[in-house]
Amino acid sequence: MSEYLILIYGDEQAYAAADDAFAQQLMEAHNRFSEQVAEQGAKMVGGNALQNTGTATSVRGVVVTDGPFAETKEALGGYYLIEANDLDHALAIAKLCPAPFGGVEVRPILDFPEG
């Protein structure tokens, strides 16, 4: 099996404006997603939610700035690392990932040869 990173992007302002009931539903959807990964024959290796972009610090060469490097409507909010049979398998799983205010990106993990 190969490893794939499912990156979750969304509109931070929409998440911040959501009420507690929506936040609970979203948490339940993410818990269900974890179960669905196994049901699809893949393996959840890890994952985390990220704090908002206001907590980010960017480094470009020797320049360090507060906040994200790029201003965009959608920001990276979290990720899952999964093991899947191939890219098609990873994409089928990614379609199940909750991202109500944005979408997800699937990226294969680069394997480095040992030695």
C-alpha atoms as a PDB file:
ATOM      1  CA  MET A   1       0.000   0.000   0.000  1.00  0.00           C
ATOM      2  CA  SER A   2       1.098   3.565  -0.656  1.00  0.00           C
ATOM      3  CA  GLU A   3       0.664   6.587   1.597  1.00  0.00           C
ATOM      4  CA  TYR A   4      -1.472   9.578   0.623  1.00  0.00           C
ATOM      5  CA  LEU A   5      -2.096  12.843   2.413  1.00  0.00           C
ATOM      6  CA  ILE A   6      -5.645  14.166   2.304  1.00  0.00           C
ATOM      7  CA  LEU A   7      -5.406  17.929   2.850  1.00  0.00           C
ATOM      8  CA  ILE A   8      -8.612  19.613   4.027  1.00  0.00           C
ATOM      9  CA  TYR A   9      -9.150  23.192   2.844  1.00  0.00           C
ATOM     10  CA  GLY A  10     -11.981  25.473   3.887  1.00  0.00           C
ATOM     11  CA  ASP A  11     -13.172  28.988   4.568  1.00  0.00           C
ATOM     12  CA  GLU A  12     -12.044  29.812   8.122  1.00  0.00           C
ATOM     13  CA  GLN A  13     -14.675  32.539   8.514  1.00  0.00           C
ATOM     14  CA  ALA A  14     -17.469  30.105   7.701  1.00  0.00           C
ATOM     15  CA  TYR A  15     -16.160  27.636  10.285  1.00  0.00           C
ATOM     16  CA  ALA A  16     -15.872  30.428  12.868  1.00  0.00           C
ATOM     17  CA  ALA A  17     -19.468  31.514  12.216  1.00  0.00           C
ATOM     18  CA  ALA A  18     -20.871  27.980  12.569  1.00  0.00           C
ATOM     19  CA  ASP A  19     -22.874  27.198  15.689  1.00  0.00           C
ATOM     20  CA  ASP A  20     -22.146  24.492  18.262  1.00  0.00           C
ATOM     21  CA  ALA A  21     -24.657  22.088  16.713  1.00  0.00           C
ATOM     22  CA  PHE A  22     -22.892  22.308  13.362  1.00  0.00           C
ATOM     23  CA  ALA A  23     -19.490  21.839  15.022  1.00  0.00           C
ATOM     24  CA  GLN A  24     -20.803  18.692  16.733  1.00  0.00           C
ATOM     25  CA  GLN A  25     -22.207  17.346  13.448  1.00  0.00           C
ATOM     26  CA  LEU A  26     -18.886  18.012  11.728  1.00  0.00           C
ATOM     27  CA  MET A  27     -16.955  16.213  14.469  1.00  0.00           C
ATOM     28  CA  GLU A  28     -19.297  13.231  14.117  1.00  0.00           C
ATOM     29  CA  ALA A  29     -18.756  13.306  10.342  1.00  0.00           C
ATOM     30  CA  HIS A  30     -14.979  13.199  10.820  1.00  0.00           C
ATOM     31  CA  ASN A  31     -15.308  10.327  13.288  1.00  0.00           C
ATOM     32  CA  ARG A  32     -17.442   8.519  10.728  1.00  0.00           C
ATOM     33  CA  PHE A  33     -14.844   9.258   8.028  1.00  0.00           C
ATOM     34  CA  SER A  34     -12.223   7.459  10.118  1.00  0.00           C
ATOM     35  CA  GLU A  35     -14.499   4.414  10.200  1.00  0.00           C
ATOM     36  CA  GLN A  36     -15.155   4.662   6.451  1.00  0.00           C
ATOM     37  CA  VAL A  37     -11.435   4.581   5.675  1.00  0.00           C
ATOM     38  CA  ALA A  38     -11.221   1.116   7.240  1.00  0.00           C
ATOM     39  CA  GLU A  39     -14.477   0.041   5.600  1.00  0.00           C
ATOM     40  CA  GLN A  40     -12.945   0.974   2.225  1.00  0.00           C
ATOM     41  CA  GLY A  41      -9.985  -1.328   2.873  1.00  0.00           C
ATOM     42  CA  ALA A  42      -7.475   1.424   3.603  1.00  0.00           C
ATOM     43  CA  LYS A  43      -5.647   2.380   6.780  1.00  0.00           C
ATOM     44  CA  MET A  44      -5.720   5.649   8.719  1.00  0.00           C
ATOM     45  CA  VAL A  45      -2.101   6.411   9.648  1.00  0.00           C
ATOM     46  CA  GLY A  46      -2.697   9.783  11.299  1.00  0.00           C
ATOM     47  CA  GLY A  47      -4.318  13.151  11.077  1.00  0.00           C
ATOM     48  CA  ASN A  48      -4.901  16.422  12.871  1.00  0.00           C
ATOM     49  CA  ALA A  49      -6.858  19.631  12.734  1.00  0.00           C
ATOM     50  CA  LEU A  50      -4.755  22.773  12.498  1.00  0.00           C
ATOM     51  CA  GLN A  51      -5.186  26.003  14.418  1.00  0.00           C
ATOM     52  CA  ASN A  52      -6.368  28.920  12.280  1.00  0.00           C
ATOM     53  CA  THR A  53      -4.026  30.824   9.995  1.00  0.00           C
ATOM     54  CA  GLY A  54      -3.760  33.658  12.515  1.00  0.00           C
ATOM     55  CA  THR A  55      -1.413  31.390  14.477  1.00  0.00           C
ATOM     56  CA  ALA A  56       0.809  30.659  11.468  1.00  0.00           C
ATOM     57  CA  THR A  57       4.352  31.885  10.980  1.00  0.00           C
ATOM     58  CA  SER A  58       5.901  31.748   7.518  1.00  0.00           C
ATOM     59  CA  VAL A  59       9.596  31.387   6.721  1.00  0.00           C
ATOM     60  CA  ARG A  60      10.929  32.273   3.252  1.00  0.00           C
ATOM     61  CA  GLY A  61      14.708  32.102   3.218  1.00  0.00           C
ATOM     62  CA  VAL A  62      15.819  34.272   6.135  1.00  0.00           C
ATOM     63  CA  VAL A  63      12.578  36.290   6.330  1.00  0.00           C
ATOM     64  CA  VAL A  64      10.098  35.307   9.056  1.00  0.00           C
ATOM     65  CA  THR A  65       6.598  36.814   9.024  1.00  0.00           C
ATOM     66  CA  ASP A  66       3.490  36.323  11.118  1.00  0.00           C
ATOM     67  CA  GLY A  67       0.578  34.693   9.376  1.00  0.00           C
ATOM     68  CA  PRO A  68       0.308  32.529   6.289  1.00  0.00           C
ATOM     69  CA  PHE A  69       2.448  33.320   3.262  1.00  0.00           C
ATOM     70  CA  ALA A  70      -0.460  33.531   0.814  1.00  0.00           C
ATOM     71  CA  GLU A  71      -3.794  35.235   1.409  1.00  0.00           C
ATOM     72  CA  THR A  72      -6.552  32.961   0.145  1.00  0.00           C
ATOM     73  CA  LYS A  73     -10.215  32.418   0.883  1.00  0.00           C
ATOM     74  CA  GLU A  74      -9.608  28.756   1.689  1.00  0.00           C
ATOM     75  CA  ALA A  75      -6.926  27.757   4.166  1.00  0.00           C
ATOM     76  CA  LEU A  76      -5.450  24.402   5.100  1.00  0.00           C
ATOM     77  CA  GLY A  77      -7.428  23.312   8.148  1.00  0.00           C
ATOM     78  CA  GLY A  78      -6.289  19.759   8.714  1.00  0.00           C
ATOM     79  CA  TYR A  79      -5.147  16.544   7.165  1.00  0.00           C
ATOM     80  CA  TYR A  80      -5.334  12.772   7.217  1.00  0.00           C
ATOM     81  CA  LEU A  81      -2.489  10.453   6.314  1.00  0.00           C
ATOM     82  CA  ILE A  82      -3.827   7.205   4.871  1.00  0.00           C
ATOM     83  CA  GLU A  83      -2.481   4.050   3.286  1.00  0.00           C
ATOM     84  CA  ALA A  84      -4.392   3.089   0.150  1.00  0.00           C
ATOM     85  CA  ASN A  85      -3.893   0.615  -2.670  1.00  0.00           C
ATOM     86  CA  ASP A  86      -3.344   3.308  -5.299  1.00  0.00           C
ATOM     87  CA  LEU A  87      -4.355   6.845  -6.225  1.00  0.00           C
ATOM     88  CA  ASP A  88      -7.823   5.783  -7.397  1.00  0.00           C
ATOM     89  CA  HIS A  89      -8.414   4.112  -4.025  1.00  0.00           C
ATOM     90  CA  ALA A  90      -7.190   7.247  -2.200  1.00  0.00           C
ATOM     91  CA  LEU A  91      -9.463   9.466  -4.307  1.00  0.00           C
ATOM     92  CA  ALA A  92     -12.494   7.295  -3.555  1.00  0.00           C
ATOM     93  CA  ILE A  93     -11.733   7.670   0.144  1.00  0.00           C
ATOM     94  CA  ALA A  94     -11.086  11.427  -0.141  1.00  0.00           C
ATOM     95  CA  LYS A  95     -14.569  11.898  -1.591  1.00  0.00           C
ATOM     96  CA  LEU A  96     -15.915  10.759   1.790  1.00  0.00           C
ATOM     97  CA  CYS A  97     -13.900  13.331   3.777  1.00  0.00           C
ATOM     98  CA  PRO A  98     -16.051  16.096   5.286  1.00  0.00           C
ATOM     99  CA  ALA A  99     -15.097  19.555   3.961  1.00  0.00           C
ATOM    100  CA  PRO A 100     -18.348  21.566   4.023  1.00  0.00           C
ATOM    101  CA  PHE A 101     -16.744  24.980   3.387  1.00  0.00           C
ATOM    102  CA  GLY A 102     -14.153  23.949   0.831  1.00  0.00           C
ATOM    103  CA  GLY A 103     -12.632  20.757  -0.502  1.00  0.00           C
ATOM    104  CA  VAL A 104      -9.809  18.299  -0.176  1.00  0.00           C
ATOM    105  CA  GLU A 105      -6.566  17.691  -2.029  1.00  0.00           C
ATOM    106  CA  VAL A 106      -4.914  14.274  -2.303  1.00  0.00           C
ATOM    107  CA  ARG A 107      -1.142  14.105  -2.541  1.00  0.00           C
ATOM    108  CA  PRO A 108       0.976  10.955  -2.682  1.00  0.00           C
ATOM    109  CA  ILE A 109       3.794  10.750  -0.160  1.00  0.00           C
ATOM    110  CA  LEU A 110       7.172  10.756  -1.868  1.00  0.00           C
ATOM    111  CA  ASP A 111       9.149   7.590  -1.177  1.00  0.00           C
ATOM    112  CA  PHE A 112      12.898   8.065  -0.840  1.00  0.00           C
ATOM    113  CA  PRO A 113      15.138   5.121  -1.618  1.00  0.00           C
ATOM    114  CA  GLU A 114      17.001   3.795   1.403  1.00  0.00           C
ATOM    115  CA  GLY A 115      20.754   4.033   1.525  1.00  0.00           C
END
